[in-house]
Amino acid sequence: MDKLFQIISHMAPEEALSEITRVLGRLLQDLDNDARERFLMSLIGQSEGDKVSGMVHL
């Protein structure tokens, strides 16, 4: 995890998100539907306190 963060932290934010999206897409392909759903629900749960997600409901 630390190595991955070090690599990404040296990238511009848009470039980092683009690379993360590519890698995440490949990883999600290897998961079954249940595992993919658990991951996505976990990701959504982590963002519940996010100010941006709170603004969406306005």
Protein backbone atom coordinates (compact mmCIF):
# COMPACT_ATOMS: atom_id res chain seq x y z
CA MET A 1 0.00 0.00 0.00
CA ASP A 2 2.75 2.44 0.88
CA LYS A 3 4.59 1.80 -2.39
CA LEU A 4 1.43 2.35 -4.37
CA PHE A 5 0.69 5.60 -2.54
CA GLN A 6 4.27 6.83 -3.13
CA ILE A 7 3.96 6.21 -6.86
CA ILE A 8 0.58 7.90 -7.13
CA SER A 9 1.53 10.86 -4.95
CA HIS A 10 4.15 11.90 -7.50
CA MET A 11 1.52 12.15 -10.25
CA ALA A 12 -0.77 15.02 -11.08
CA PRO A 13 -4.24 14.35 -9.57
CA GLU A 14 -5.95 13.81 -12.94
CA GLU A 15 -3.20 11.46 -14.11
CA ALA A 16 -3.35 9.51 -10.84
CA LEU A 17 -7.13 9.10 -11.11
CA SER A 18 -6.81 7.96 -14.70
CA GLU A 19 -4.25 5.30 -13.75
CA ILE A 20 -6.25 4.19 -10.72
CA THR A 21 -9.35 3.84 -12.90
CA ARG A 22 -7.49 1.59 -15.36
CA VAL A 23 -6.08 -0.63 -12.62
CA LEU A 24 -9.37 -0.78 -10.74
CA GLY A 25 -11.18 -1.82 -13.90
CA ARG A 26 -8.80 -4.74 -14.34
CA LEU A 27 -9.14 -5.80 -10.70
CA LEU A 28 -12.94 -5.62 -10.77
CA GLN A 29 -13.01 -7.92 -13.81
CA ASP A 30 -11.40 -10.64 -11.69
CA LEU A 31 -14.05 -10.44 -8.96
CA ASP A 32 -17.36 -12.24 -8.90
CA ASN A 33 -20.56 -10.19 -8.65
CA ASP A 34 -20.84 -10.49 -4.86
CA ALA A 35 -17.26 -9.36 -4.24
CA ARG A 36 -17.65 -6.49 -6.70
CA GLU A 37 -20.85 -5.37 -4.98
CA ARG A 38 -19.22 -5.52 -1.51
CA PHE A 39 -16.32 -3.42 -2.76
CA LEU A 40 -18.59 -0.80 -4.32
CA MET A 41 -20.83 -0.62 -1.27
CA SER A 42 -17.75 -0.19 0.92
CA LEU A 43 -16.51 2.58 -1.34
CA ILE A 44 -19.87 4.34 -1.20
CA GLY A 45 -19.97 3.95 2.58
CA GLN A 46 -16.57 5.61 2.94
CA SER A 47 -17.73 8.65 1.02
CA GLU A 48 -20.91 9.26 3.03
CA GLY A 49 -19.23 11.91 5.15
CA ASP A 50 -17.69 13.59 2.12
CA LYS A 51 -18.80 17.19 1.61
CA VAL A 52 -19.16 16.71 -2.14
CA SER A 53 -21.48 13.72 -1.73
CA GLY A 54 -23.51 15.76 0.75
CA MET A 55 -23.91 18.55 -1.78
CA VAL A 56 -25.39 16.16 -4.33
CA HIS A 57 -28.50 15.84 -2.17
CA LEU A 58 -29.14 19.62 -2.21
